[in-house]
Amino acid sequence: MEQHPELRHDYTLKYLLDVETRGSASLLNTEWFRDPEGYMLKVKQPGSDESRKTAVDLVETFNWLIGLHVSHLDKPRTYVARFERETDPELPEDQNTRLKAVSLRENEDGAYWIRQVEGHVRRIPGSDEDLAKVLVVWRKLTDDAEKDAAVLEALLEKYKIGTTDSEFDTIYINGPHGLNLTGRARDRVNSLEETFHARMWEGCDDDF
């Protein structure tokens, strides 16, 4: 294993996630995904009852869980936004307005942290002939879900990323996104948390 660091990495992730957290409610709590850079697990030390907090890179871990071959790992970016409330005819009259980010600008002091990952996964394991292009959008969620959703929508518009017609076959987003998904978009856009949990427990009944 010393000659194959990638195998050691995979083994370590599987140990941390499958063993140390098996049956733990912490991994079912979406609050843990509010800050992709702040995910910590308590890991027992070998041969003792003591445990220490160990940081887990959620971005890298998710790439591993879905088998993502990364083509572009964007740096974390922060944005400032200006919001306006507009009328939405599709909403009931007593709540027919929605918040829209009318401007979104990258700024090192911005309140909205976003990191994008692009790559592909094999639709058929072991085959390079049928590849699906994937976008993963990580956000640090604030205490204002409406503004978070408005910023996400503005970001997708800024980079011309469509949910219905897009170059990406699958888009993963952490946290509530508030996007109006219809038709193919319902299958194209996926909850990152739900996918994370489903992939993490795959095959567990066979392994234990």
N, C-alpha and C. Protein backbone atom coordinates (compact mmCIF):
# COMPACT_ATOMS: atom_id res chain seq x y z
N MET A 1 0.83 -1.21 0.00
CA MET A 1 0.00 0.00 0.00
C MET A 1 0.86 1.25 0.00
N GLU A 2 2.08 1.15 0.55
CA GLU A 2 2.97 2.30 0.56
C GLU A 2 3.30 2.75 -0.85
N GLN A 3 3.29 1.78 -1.81
CA GLN A 3 3.62 2.12 -3.18
C GLN A 3 2.42 2.70 -3.93
N HIS A 4 1.24 2.65 -3.32
CA HIS A 4 0.03 3.14 -3.97
C HIS A 4 -0.70 4.07 -3.02
N PRO A 5 -0.29 5.35 -2.95
CA PRO A 5 -0.90 6.29 -2.02
C PRO A 5 -2.39 6.47 -2.24
N GLU A 6 -2.85 6.29 -3.51
CA GLU A 6 -4.28 6.45 -3.76
C GLU A 6 -5.09 5.36 -3.06
N LEU A 7 -4.50 4.15 -2.93
CA LEU A 7 -5.19 3.07 -2.23
C LEU A 7 -5.25 3.37 -0.74
N ARG A 8 -4.17 3.92 -0.19
CA ARG A 8 -4.16 4.29 1.22
C ARG A 8 -5.23 5.36 1.46
N HIS A 9 -5.34 6.32 0.54
CA HIS A 9 -6.33 7.40 0.68
C HIS A 9 -7.74 6.82 0.69
N ASP A 10 -8.03 5.91 -0.27
CA ASP A 10 -9.36 5.31 -0.33
C ASP A 10 -9.66 4.51 0.93
N TYR A 11 -8.65 3.78 1.42
CA TYR A 11 -8.85 2.98 2.62
C TYR A 11 -9.14 3.88 3.82
N THR A 12 -8.40 4.97 3.92
CA THR A 12 -8.60 5.89 5.04
C THR A 12 -9.99 6.49 5.01
N LEU A 13 -10.45 6.92 3.84
CA LEU A 13 -11.79 7.49 3.74
C LEU A 13 -12.84 6.45 4.11
N LYS A 14 -12.68 5.24 3.61
CA LYS A 14 -13.67 4.20 3.93
C LYS A 14 -13.68 3.90 5.41
N TYR A 15 -12.49 3.90 6.04
CA TYR A 15 -12.43 3.66 7.48
C TYR A 15 -13.13 4.76 8.25
N LEU A 16 -12.83 6.00 7.90
CA LEU A 16 -13.42 7.13 8.62
C LEU A 16 -14.94 7.17 8.44
N LEU A 17 -15.40 6.94 7.22
CA LEU A 17 -16.82 7.11 6.93
C LEU A 17 -17.65 5.87 7.23
N ASP A 18 -17.17 4.70 6.84
CA ASP A 18 -17.97 3.49 7.02
C ASP A 18 -17.91 2.93 8.43
N VAL A 19 -16.76 3.06 9.09
CA VAL A 19 -16.58 2.43 10.39
C VAL A 19 -16.85 3.41 11.52
N GLU A 20 -16.13 4.52 11.54
CA GLU A 20 -16.24 5.43 12.67
C GLU A 20 -17.61 6.10 12.76
N THR A 21 -18.31 6.22 11.63
CA THR A 21 -19.59 6.93 11.66
C THR A 21 -20.77 6.01 11.36
N ARG A 22 -20.55 4.74 11.25
CA ARG A 22 -21.64 3.83 10.91
C ARG A 22 -22.72 3.90 11.99
N GLY A 23 -23.95 4.19 11.55
CA GLY A 23 -25.05 4.27 12.50
C GLY A 23 -25.14 5.60 13.21
N SER A 24 -24.23 6.52 12.92
CA SER A 24 -24.24 7.80 13.60
C SER A 24 -25.22 8.75 12.93
N ALA A 25 -25.98 9.49 13.73
CA ALA A 25 -26.94 10.44 13.19
C ALA A 25 -26.25 11.64 12.56
N SER A 26 -24.97 11.82 12.87
CA SER A 26 -24.30 13.03 12.39
C SER A 26 -24.27 13.09 10.87
N LEU A 27 -24.11 11.91 10.23
CA LEU A 27 -24.04 11.92 8.78
C LEU A 27 -25.41 12.07 8.14
N LEU A 28 -26.48 11.99 8.92
CA LEU A 28 -27.80 12.20 8.39
C LEU A 28 -28.27 13.62 8.63
N ASN A 29 -27.43 14.42 9.25
CA ASN A 29 -27.78 15.79 9.59
C ASN A 29 -27.21 16.72 8.53
N THR A 30 -28.11 17.32 7.75
CA THR A 30 -27.63 18.17 6.65
C THR A 30 -26.92 19.41 7.15
N GLU A 31 -27.06 19.73 8.45
CA GLU A 31 -26.35 20.90 8.98
C GLU A 31 -24.84 20.73 8.81
N TRP A 32 -24.36 19.49 8.79
CA TRP A 32 -22.93 19.26 8.64
C TRP A 32 -22.42 19.71 7.28
N PHE A 33 -23.33 19.83 6.32
CA PHE A 33 -22.92 20.20 4.96
C PHE A 33 -23.06 21.69 4.71
N ARG A 34 -23.40 22.46 5.73
CA ARG A 34 -23.54 23.90 5.56
C ARG A 34 -22.20 24.57 5.26
N ASP A 35 -21.12 23.97 5.78
CA ASP A 35 -19.78 24.53 5.59
C ASP A 35 -18.85 23.43 5.10
N PRO A 36 -18.60 23.33 3.80
CA PRO A 36 -17.76 22.25 3.25
C PRO A 36 -16.35 22.22 3.83
N GLU A 37 -15.88 23.34 4.37
CA GLU A 37 -14.52 23.38 4.91
C GLU A 37 -14.49 23.11 6.41
N GLY A 38 -15.63 22.91 7.03
CA GLY A 38 -15.65 22.77 8.48
C GLY A 38 -16.16 21.45 8.98
N TYR A 39 -16.06 20.39 8.16
CA TYR A 39 -16.60 19.08 8.54
C TYR A 39 -15.57 18.33 9.39
N MET A 40 -15.97 17.96 10.61
CA MET A 40 -15.07 17.28 11.53
C MET A 40 -15.71 15.98 12.02
N LEU A 41 -14.89 14.94 12.19
CA LEU A 41 -15.34 13.69 12.77
C LEU A 41 -14.50 13.36 13.99
N LYS A 42 -15.13 12.77 15.00
CA LYS A 42 -14.38 12.27 16.15
C LYS A 42 -13.94 10.85 15.84
N VAL A 43 -12.63 10.64 15.84
CA VAL A 43 -12.07 9.34 15.49
C VAL A 43 -11.33 8.77 16.68
N LYS A 44 -11.67 7.53 17.04
CA LYS A 44 -11.00 6.87 18.16
C LYS A 44 -9.57 6.53 17.80
N GLN A 45 -8.69 6.69 18.77
CA GLN A 45 -7.28 6.35 18.57
C GLN A 45 -7.10 4.84 18.73
N PRO A 46 -6.30 4.22 17.89
CA PRO A 46 -6.09 2.77 17.98
C PRO A 46 -5.60 2.36 19.37
N GLY A 47 -6.23 1.34 19.93
CA GLY A 47 -5.80 0.80 21.20
C GLY A 47 -6.20 1.62 22.41
N SER A 48 -7.08 2.59 22.27
CA SER A 48 -7.50 3.41 23.41
C SER A 48 -8.93 3.87 23.21
N ASP A 49 -9.50 4.42 24.28
CA ASP A 49 -10.86 4.96 24.20
C ASP A 49 -10.85 6.45 23.86
N GLU A 50 -9.66 7.01 23.72
CA GLU A 50 -9.56 8.43 23.41
C GLU A 50 -9.90 8.68 21.93
N SER A 51 -10.42 9.84 21.69
CA SER A 51 -10.73 10.21 20.31
C SER A 51 -10.26 11.63 20.05
N ARG A 52 -10.03 11.91 18.81
CA ARG A 52 -9.62 13.26 18.43
C ARG A 52 -10.42 13.68 17.21
N LYS A 53 -10.62 14.99 17.07
CA LYS A 53 -11.34 15.51 15.92
C LYS A 53 -10.44 15.48 14.69
N THR A 54 -10.99 14.95 13.62
CA THR A 54 -10.25 14.84 12.38
C THR A 54 -11.03 15.54 11.27
N ALA A 55 -10.36 16.43 10.56
CA ALA A 55 -11.02 17.15 9.47
C ALA A 55 -11.20 16.23 8.27
N VAL A 56 -12.38 16.29 7.66
CA VAL A 56 -12.67 15.52 6.46
C VAL A 56 -12.94 16.49 5.32
N ASP A 57 -12.21 16.33 4.23
CA ASP A 57 -12.40 17.18 3.06
C ASP A 57 -13.64 16.69 2.31
N LEU A 58 -14.77 17.37 2.52
CA LEU A 58 -16.02 16.93 1.90
C LEU A 58 -15.97 16.99 0.39
N VAL A 59 -15.29 17.99 -0.16
CA VAL A 59 -15.21 18.12 -1.61
C VAL A 59 -14.51 16.91 -2.21
N GLU A 60 -13.36 16.57 -1.67
CA GLU A 60 -12.60 15.43 -2.18
C GLU A 60 -13.33 14.12 -1.91
N THR A 61 -13.95 14.02 -0.73
CA THR A 61 -14.66 12.80 -0.37
C THR A 61 -15.83 12.55 -1.31
N PHE A 62 -16.58 13.60 -1.63
CA PHE A 62 -17.72 13.43 -2.53
C PHE A 62 -17.25 13.01 -3.92
N ASN A 63 -16.16 13.61 -4.40
CA ASN A 63 -15.61 13.21 -5.70
C ASN A 63 -15.33 11.71 -5.71
N TRP A 64 -14.76 11.23 -4.61
CA TRP A 64 -14.41 9.81 -4.50
C TRP A 64 -15.66 8.94 -4.46
N LEU A 65 -16.66 9.37 -3.70
CA LEU A 65 -17.87 8.57 -3.54
C LEU A 65 -18.63 8.37 -4.86
N ILE A 66 -18.66 9.41 -5.71
CA ILE A 66 -19.41 9.28 -6.97
C ILE A 66 -18.52 8.83 -8.12
N GLY A 67 -17.23 8.61 -7.83
CA GLY A 67 -16.31 8.18 -8.88
C GLY A 67 -16.03 9.26 -9.90
N LEU A 68 -15.91 10.52 -9.42
CA LEU A 68 -15.73 11.65 -10.33
C LEU A 68 -14.27 11.78 -10.76
N HIS A 69 -14.05 11.81 -12.06
CA HIS A 69 -12.73 12.10 -12.62
C HIS A 69 -12.70 13.61 -12.87
N VAL A 70 -11.99 14.33 -12.02
CA VAL A 70 -12.04 15.79 -12.03
C VAL A 70 -11.26 16.37 -13.21
N SER A 71 -11.92 17.24 -13.96
CA SER A 71 -11.25 17.95 -15.05
C SER A 71 -10.92 19.39 -14.66
N HIS A 72 -11.72 19.95 -13.72
CA HIS A 72 -11.45 21.31 -13.25
C HIS A 72 -11.94 21.46 -11.82
N LEU A 73 -11.01 21.74 -10.92
CA LEU A 73 -11.33 22.02 -9.52
C LEU A 73 -11.13 23.51 -9.30
N ASP A 74 -12.22 24.25 -9.31
CA ASP A 74 -12.13 25.70 -9.19
C ASP A 74 -11.72 26.07 -7.77
N LYS A 75 -11.06 27.20 -7.63
CA LYS A 75 -10.71 27.68 -6.30
C LYS A 75 -11.98 28.18 -5.61
N PRO A 76 -12.01 28.19 -4.28
CA PRO A 76 -13.15 28.80 -3.59
C PRO A 76 -13.25 30.28 -3.95
N ARG A 77 -14.45 30.73 -4.25
CA ARG A 77 -14.68 32.12 -4.59
C ARG A 77 -15.77 32.70 -3.70
N THR A 78 -15.62 33.96 -3.35
CA THR A 78 -16.64 34.62 -2.55
C THR A 78 -17.23 35.77 -3.35
N TYR A 79 -18.52 36.01 -3.13
CA TYR A 79 -19.25 36.99 -3.93
C TYR A 79 -20.03 37.95 -3.03
N VAL A 80 -20.24 39.14 -3.55
CA VAL A 80 -21.18 40.09 -2.96
C VAL A 80 -22.35 40.19 -3.92
N ALA A 81 -23.55 40.39 -3.36
CA ALA A 81 -24.74 40.42 -4.19
C ALA A 81 -25.62 41.60 -3.81
N ARG A 82 -26.36 42.08 -4.77
CA ARG A 82 -27.38 43.10 -4.52
C ARG A 82 -28.73 42.49 -4.87
N PHE A 83 -29.68 42.63 -3.96
CA PHE A 83 -30.96 41.94 -4.11
C PHE A 83 -32.10 42.93 -4.35
N GLU A 84 -33.07 42.46 -5.10
CA GLU A 84 -34.33 43.17 -5.26
C GLU A 84 -35.46 42.16 -5.21
N ARG A 85 -36.62 42.63 -4.76
CA ARG A 85 -37.77 41.74 -4.72
C ARG A 85 -38.65 42.03 -5.93
N GLU A 86 -39.03 40.96 -6.64
CA GLU A 86 -39.83 41.12 -7.84
C GLU A 86 -41.10 40.28 -7.74
N THR A 87 -42.09 40.66 -8.52
CA THR A 87 -43.36 39.92 -8.53
C THR A 87 -43.21 38.64 -9.33
N ASP A 88 -43.76 37.58 -8.78
CA ASP A 88 -43.74 36.29 -9.45
C ASP A 88 -45.18 35.83 -9.64
N PRO A 89 -45.70 35.87 -10.87
CA PRO A 89 -47.10 35.52 -11.12
C PRO A 89 -47.44 34.07 -10.81
N GLU A 90 -46.44 33.23 -10.68
CA GLU A 90 -46.69 31.81 -10.41
C GLU A 90 -46.95 31.55 -8.92
N LEU A 91 -46.69 32.55 -8.07
CA LEU A 91 -46.90 32.39 -6.64
C LEU A 91 -48.29 32.91 -6.25
N PRO A 92 -48.83 32.42 -5.11
CA PRO A 92 -50.12 32.92 -4.62
C PRO A 92 -50.05 34.43 -4.38
N GLU A 93 -51.21 35.10 -4.47
CA GLU A 93 -51.24 36.56 -4.38
C GLU A 93 -50.70 37.09 -3.07
N ASP A 94 -50.91 36.33 -1.97
CA ASP A 94 -50.44 36.82 -0.67
C ASP A 94 -48.95 36.62 -0.47
N GLN A 95 -48.28 35.96 -1.42
CA GLN A 95 -46.84 35.76 -1.32
C GLN A 95 -46.23 35.72 -2.73
N ASN A 96 -46.66 36.69 -3.54
CA ASN A 96 -46.30 36.63 -4.96
C ASN A 96 -45.03 37.41 -5.30
N THR A 97 -44.14 37.53 -4.36
CA THR A 97 -42.85 38.15 -4.67
C THR A 97 -41.73 37.18 -4.37
N ARG A 98 -40.65 37.34 -5.07
CA ARG A 98 -39.47 36.50 -4.84
C ARG A 98 -38.24 37.38 -4.86
N LEU A 99 -37.23 36.94 -4.12
CA LEU A 99 -35.99 37.70 -4.04
C LEU A 99 -35.09 37.32 -5.20
N LYS A 100 -34.51 38.32 -5.83
CA LYS A 100 -33.62 38.06 -6.97
C LYS A 100 -32.31 38.81 -6.74
N ALA A 101 -31.20 38.13 -7.01
CA ALA A 101 -29.89 38.79 -6.95
C ALA A 101 -29.67 39.47 -8.29
N VAL A 102 -29.86 40.78 -8.33
CA VAL A 102 -29.78 41.50 -9.60
C VAL A 102 -28.34 41.79 -10.00
N SER A 103 -27.42 41.60 -9.06
CA SER A 103 -26.00 41.70 -9.41
C SER A 103 -25.22 40.74 -8.52
N LEU A 104 -24.20 40.13 -9.10
CA LEU A 104 -23.35 39.19 -8.36
C LEU A 104 -21.92 39.46 -8.79
N ARG A 105 -21.09 39.83 -7.82
CA ARG A 105 -19.72 40.22 -8.14
C ARG A 105 -18.74 39.52 -7.21
N GLU A 106 -17.68 38.97 -7.80
CA GLU A 106 -16.67 38.30 -6.99
C GLU A 106 -15.90 39.33 -6.17
N ASN A 107 -15.73 39.04 -4.89
CA ASN A 107 -15.05 39.95 -3.97
C ASN A 107 -14.49 39.12 -2.82
N GLU A 108 -13.24 39.38 -2.44
CA GLU A 108 -12.61 38.57 -1.40
C GLU A 108 -13.29 38.71 -0.05
N ASP A 109 -14.07 39.77 0.14
CA ASP A 109 -14.80 39.96 1.39
C ASP A 109 -16.28 39.60 1.25
N GLY A 110 -16.62 38.94 0.17
CA GLY A 110 -18.02 38.60 -0.06
C GLY A 110 -18.57 37.61 0.95
N ALA A 111 -19.86 37.67 1.16
CA ALA A 111 -20.52 36.82 2.16
C ALA A 111 -20.90 35.45 1.60
N TYR A 112 -20.81 35.29 0.27
CA TYR A 112 -21.29 34.06 -0.35
C TYR A 112 -20.14 33.26 -0.94
N TRP A 113 -19.82 32.14 -0.30
CA TRP A 113 -18.69 31.28 -0.66
C TRP A 113 -19.19 30.16 -1.55
N ILE A 114 -18.53 30.00 -2.71
CA ILE A 114 -18.95 28.96 -3.66
C ILE A 114 -17.71 28.33 -4.29
N ARG A 115 -17.76 27.02 -4.47
CA ARG A 115 -16.68 26.32 -5.14
C ARG A 115 -17.29 25.32 -6.13
N GLN A 116 -16.81 25.36 -7.37
CA GLN A 116 -17.35 24.49 -8.41
C GLN A 116 -16.32 23.43 -8.80
N VAL A 117 -16.83 22.24 -9.05
CA VAL A 117 -15.99 21.12 -9.49
C VAL A 117 -16.61 20.55 -10.76
N GLU A 118 -15.79 20.37 -11.80
CA GLU A 118 -16.27 19.77 -13.04
C GLU A 118 -15.51 18.48 -13.30
N GLY A 119 -16.18 17.55 -13.93
CA GLY A 119 -15.52 16.29 -14.27
C GLY A 119 -16.49 15.35 -14.96
N HIS A 120 -16.15 14.08 -14.98
CA HIS A 120 -17.04 13.11 -15.60
C HIS A 120 -17.05 11.82 -14.79
N VAL A 121 -18.12 11.08 -14.93
CA VAL A 121 -18.24 9.74 -14.33
C VAL A 121 -18.57 8.75 -15.44
N ARG A 122 -18.22 7.52 -15.20
CA ARG A 122 -18.54 6.47 -16.16
C ARG A 122 -19.96 5.98 -15.91
N ARG A 123 -20.79 6.02 -16.93
CA ARG A 123 -22.13 5.47 -16.77
C ARG A 123 -22.08 3.96 -16.61
N ILE A 124 -21.11 3.34 -17.32
CA ILE A 124 -20.90 1.90 -17.21
C ILE A 124 -19.53 1.69 -16.57
N PRO A 125 -19.46 1.06 -15.38
CA PRO A 125 -18.18 0.87 -14.71
C PRO A 125 -17.15 0.20 -15.62
N GLY A 126 -15.95 0.78 -15.63
CA GLY A 126 -14.86 0.20 -16.41
C GLY A 126 -14.85 0.59 -17.87
N SER A 127 -15.87 1.36 -18.30
CA SER A 127 -15.95 1.75 -19.71
C SER A 127 -15.67 3.24 -19.87
N ASP A 128 -14.85 3.57 -20.86
CA ASP A 128 -14.57 4.98 -21.16
C ASP A 128 -15.38 5.46 -22.37
N GLU A 129 -16.30 4.64 -22.83
CA GLU A 129 -17.06 4.99 -24.02
C GLU A 129 -18.33 5.77 -23.69
N ASP A 130 -18.86 5.61 -22.51
CA ASP A 130 -20.10 6.28 -22.13
C ASP A 130 -19.86 7.09 -20.87
N LEU A 131 -19.52 8.37 -21.04
CA LEU A 131 -19.18 9.23 -19.92
C LEU A 131 -20.26 10.30 -19.73
N ALA A 132 -20.53 10.61 -18.47
CA ALA A 132 -21.48 11.65 -18.14
C ALA A 132 -20.72 12.84 -17.56
N LYS A 133 -21.00 14.04 -18.07
CA LYS A 133 -20.33 15.24 -17.59
C LYS A 133 -21.05 15.75 -16.34
N VAL A 134 -20.28 16.08 -15.32
CA VAL A 134 -20.84 16.40 -14.00
C VAL A 134 -20.34 17.76 -13.52
N LEU A 135 -21.23 18.51 -12.88
CA LEU A 135 -20.89 19.74 -12.18
C LEU A 135 -21.32 19.59 -10.73
N VAL A 136 -20.41 19.92 -9.81
CA VAL A 136 -20.73 19.92 -8.38
C VAL A 136 -20.58 21.36 -7.88
N VAL A 137 -21.64 21.87 -7.26
CA VAL A 137 -21.61 23.23 -6.73
C VAL A 137 -21.69 23.16 -5.21
N TRP A 138 -20.59 23.55 -4.57
CA TRP A 138 -20.51 23.60 -3.10
C TRP A 138 -20.72 25.03 -2.65
N ARG A 139 -21.52 25.19 -1.58
CA ARG A 139 -21.76 26.52 -1.03
C ARG A 139 -21.59 26.49 0.48
N LYS A 140 -21.15 27.60 1.05
CA LYS A 140 -21.26 27.79 2.49
C LYS A 140 -22.59 28.50 2.71
N LEU A 141 -23.50 27.82 3.35
CA LEU A 141 -24.83 28.38 3.51
C LEU A 141 -24.86 29.40 4.64
N THR A 142 -25.62 30.45 4.43
CA THR A 142 -25.80 31.48 5.45
C THR A 142 -27.08 31.18 6.22
N ASP A 143 -27.47 32.09 7.07
CA ASP A 143 -28.71 31.92 7.82
C ASP A 143 -29.92 32.45 7.07
N ASP A 144 -29.72 32.87 5.83
CA ASP A 144 -30.82 33.39 5.01
C ASP A 144 -30.94 32.51 3.76
N ALA A 145 -31.81 31.51 3.84
CA ALA A 145 -31.96 30.55 2.75
C ALA A 145 -32.45 31.22 1.47
N GLU A 146 -33.28 32.26 1.59
CA GLU A 146 -33.80 32.93 0.41
C GLU A 146 -32.69 33.63 -0.36
N LYS A 147 -31.78 34.27 0.35
CA LYS A 147 -30.66 34.93 -0.32
C LYS A 147 -29.70 33.90 -0.90
N ASP A 148 -29.47 32.81 -0.17
CA ASP A 148 -28.61 31.74 -0.70
C ASP A 148 -29.15 31.23 -2.03
N ALA A 149 -30.47 31.02 -2.09
CA ALA A 149 -31.09 30.52 -3.31
C ALA A 149 -30.99 31.53 -4.44
N ALA A 150 -31.16 32.80 -4.12
CA ALA A 150 -31.07 33.85 -5.14
C ALA A 150 -29.66 33.95 -5.70
N VAL A 151 -28.66 33.82 -4.84
CA VAL A 151 -27.26 33.87 -5.27
C VAL A 151 -26.95 32.68 -6.17
N LEU A 152 -27.44 31.49 -5.80
CA LEU A 152 -27.21 30.31 -6.63
C LEU A 152 -27.80 30.50 -8.02
N GLU A 153 -29.02 30.99 -8.09
CA GLU A 153 -29.66 31.21 -9.38
C GLU A 153 -28.87 32.22 -10.22
N ALA A 154 -28.39 33.28 -9.57
CA ALA A 154 -27.60 34.28 -10.28
C ALA A 154 -26.27 33.69 -10.76
N LEU A 155 -25.69 32.82 -9.96
CA LEU A 155 -24.43 32.18 -10.33
C LEU A 155 -24.61 31.32 -11.58
N LEU A 156 -25.67 30.52 -11.60
CA LEU A 156 -25.93 29.68 -12.76
C LEU A 156 -26.17 30.52 -14.01
N GLU A 157 -26.86 31.65 -13.84
CA GLU A 157 -27.07 32.54 -14.98
C GLU A 157 -25.76 33.18 -15.42
N LYS A 158 -24.94 33.56 -14.46
CA LYS A 158 -23.66 34.23 -14.76
C LYS A 158 -22.76 33.34 -15.62
N TYR A 159 -22.73 32.04 -15.28
CA TYR A 159 -21.87 31.10 -16.01
C TYR A 159 -22.63 30.34 -17.08
N LYS A 160 -23.88 30.80 -17.35
CA LYS A 160 -24.70 30.21 -18.42
C LYS A 160 -24.84 28.70 -18.24
N ILE A 161 -25.16 28.31 -17.02
CA ILE A 161 -25.39 26.90 -16.70
C ILE A 161 -26.89 26.68 -16.59
N GLY A 162 -27.46 26.03 -17.57
CA GLY A 162 -28.90 25.77 -17.55
C GLY A 162 -29.21 24.48 -16.82
N THR A 163 -30.35 24.45 -16.14
CA THR A 163 -30.74 23.21 -15.45
C THR A 163 -31.53 22.30 -16.38
N THR A 164 -32.20 22.88 -17.39
CA THR A 164 -32.98 22.07 -18.33
C THR A 164 -32.14 21.69 -19.55
N ASP A 165 -31.44 22.67 -20.11
CA ASP A 165 -30.59 22.44 -21.27
C ASP A 165 -29.18 22.86 -20.88
N SER A 166 -28.30 21.91 -20.67
CA SER A 166 -26.98 22.22 -20.15
C SER A 166 -25.94 21.28 -20.74
N GLU A 167 -24.69 21.72 -20.72
CA GLU A 167 -23.61 20.83 -21.15
C GLU A 167 -23.37 19.72 -20.14
N PHE A 168 -23.91 19.90 -18.92
CA PHE A 168 -23.72 18.91 -17.87
C PHE A 168 -24.89 17.93 -17.82
N ASP A 169 -24.55 16.65 -17.74
CA ASP A 169 -25.59 15.63 -17.63
C ASP A 169 -26.17 15.58 -16.22
N THR A 170 -25.33 15.89 -15.23
CA THR A 170 -25.76 15.86 -13.84
C THR A 170 -25.17 17.04 -13.09
N ILE A 171 -25.98 17.68 -12.25
CA ILE A 171 -25.53 18.78 -11.41
C ILE A 171 -25.87 18.45 -9.96
N TYR A 172 -24.88 18.51 -9.09
CA TYR A 172 -25.08 18.30 -7.65
C TYR A 172 -24.94 19.63 -6.93
N ILE A 173 -25.86 19.91 -6.00
CA ILE A 173 -25.83 21.15 -5.24
C ILE A 173 -26.08 20.83 -3.78
N ASN A 174 -25.28 21.40 -2.88
CA ASN A 174 -25.54 21.19 -1.46
C ASN A 174 -26.52 22.23 -0.94
N GLY A 175 -27.33 21.81 0.02
CA GLY A 175 -28.29 22.71 0.64
C GLY A 175 -29.54 22.92 -0.20
N PRO A 176 -30.58 23.53 0.39
CA PRO A 176 -31.80 23.84 -0.35
C PRO A 176 -31.49 24.83 -1.47
N HIS A 177 -31.92 24.49 -2.70
CA HIS A 177 -31.52 25.38 -3.81
C HIS A 177 -32.66 26.27 -4.30
N GLY A 178 -33.90 25.89 -4.08
CA GLY A 178 -35.01 26.74 -4.46
C GLY A 178 -35.20 26.90 -5.95
N LEU A 179 -34.53 26.09 -6.77
CA LEU A 179 -34.65 26.21 -8.22
C LEU A 179 -35.99 25.63 -8.68
N ASN A 180 -36.58 26.27 -9.67
CA ASN A 180 -37.84 25.78 -10.24
C ASN A 180 -37.50 24.74 -11.30
N LEU A 181 -37.58 23.48 -10.92
CA LEU A 181 -37.15 22.41 -11.81
C LEU A 181 -38.36 21.76 -12.48
N THR A 182 -38.31 21.66 -13.79
CA THR A 182 -39.35 21.00 -14.54
C THR A 182 -38.72 20.07 -15.57
N GLY A 183 -39.49 19.10 -16.00
CA GLY A 183 -39.03 18.20 -17.04
C GLY A 183 -37.73 17.49 -16.69
N ARG A 184 -36.78 17.53 -17.64
CA ARG A 184 -35.51 16.82 -17.47
C ARG A 184 -34.68 17.37 -16.32
N ALA A 185 -34.93 18.64 -15.97
CA ALA A 185 -34.14 19.26 -14.90
C ALA A 185 -34.31 18.53 -13.58
N ARG A 186 -35.46 17.91 -13.38
CA ARG A 186 -35.70 17.18 -12.14
C ARG A 186 -34.75 16.01 -11.98
N ASP A 187 -34.37 15.41 -13.10
CA ASP A 187 -33.41 14.30 -13.06
C ASP A 187 -31.98 14.81 -13.13
N ARG A 188 -31.78 15.96 -13.74
CA ARG A 188 -30.43 16.49 -13.94
C ARG A 188 -29.85 17.07 -12.66
N VAL A 189 -30.67 17.78 -11.87
CA VAL A 189 -30.20 18.45 -10.65
C VAL A 189 -30.48 17.56 -9.45
N ASN A 190 -29.43 17.29 -8.67
CA ASN A 190 -29.54 16.35 -7.56
C ASN A 190 -29.07 16.97 -6.25
N SER A 191 -29.66 16.50 -5.16
CA SER A 191 -29.23 16.89 -3.82
C SER A 191 -27.89 16.24 -3.51
N LEU A 192 -26.91 17.05 -3.21
CA LEU A 192 -25.58 16.53 -2.89
C LEU A 192 -25.63 15.68 -1.63
N GLU A 193 -26.37 16.15 -0.62
CA GLU A 193 -26.44 15.42 0.65
C GLU A 193 -27.07 14.04 0.47
N GLU A 194 -28.18 13.98 -0.27
CA GLU A 194 -28.85 12.69 -0.47
C GLU A 194 -27.95 11.72 -1.21
N THR A 195 -27.25 12.23 -2.22
CA THR A 195 -26.34 11.38 -2.99
C THR A 195 -25.18 10.91 -2.12
N PHE A 196 -24.63 11.82 -1.31
CA PHE A 196 -23.52 11.49 -0.41
C PHE A 196 -23.91 10.32 0.49
N HIS A 197 -25.06 10.43 1.14
CA HIS A 197 -25.49 9.40 2.08
C HIS A 197 -25.77 8.07 1.38
N ALA A 198 -26.43 8.16 0.20
CA ALA A 198 -26.75 6.93 -0.52
C ALA A 198 -25.49 6.21 -0.96
N ARG A 199 -24.51 6.94 -1.47
CA ARG A 199 -23.27 6.32 -1.93
C ARG A 199 -22.44 5.79 -0.77
N MET A 200 -22.49 6.49 0.36
CA MET A 200 -21.68 6.08 1.49
C MET A 200 -22.11 4.73 2.06
N TRP A 201 -23.42 4.48 2.02
CA TRP A 201 -23.90 3.24 2.62
C TRP A 201 -24.03 2.11 1.61
N GLU A 202 -23.71 2.38 0.33
CA GLU A 202 -23.81 1.33 -0.68
C GLU A 202 -22.95 0.14 -0.30
N GLY A 203 -23.55 -1.06 -0.30
CA GLY A 203 -22.79 -2.26 -0.02
C GLY A 203 -22.43 -2.49 1.41
N CYS A 204 -22.89 -1.62 2.33
CA CYS A 204 -22.52 -1.79 3.73
C CYS A 204 -23.04 -3.10 4.31
N ASP A 205 -24.23 -3.50 3.88
CA ASP A 205 -24.79 -4.74 4.41
C ASP A 205 -23.97 -5.95 4.01
N ASP A 206 -23.25 -5.80 2.87
CA ASP A 206 -22.40 -6.90 2.42
C ASP A 206 -21.05 -6.88 3.12
N ASP A 207 -20.63 -5.69 3.59
CA ASP A 207 -19.30 -5.58 4.17
C ASP A 207 -19.29 -5.88 5.67
N PHE A 208 -20.45 -5.79 6.33
CA PHE A 208 -20.48 -5.93 7.78
C PHE A 208 -21.41 -7.07 8.16
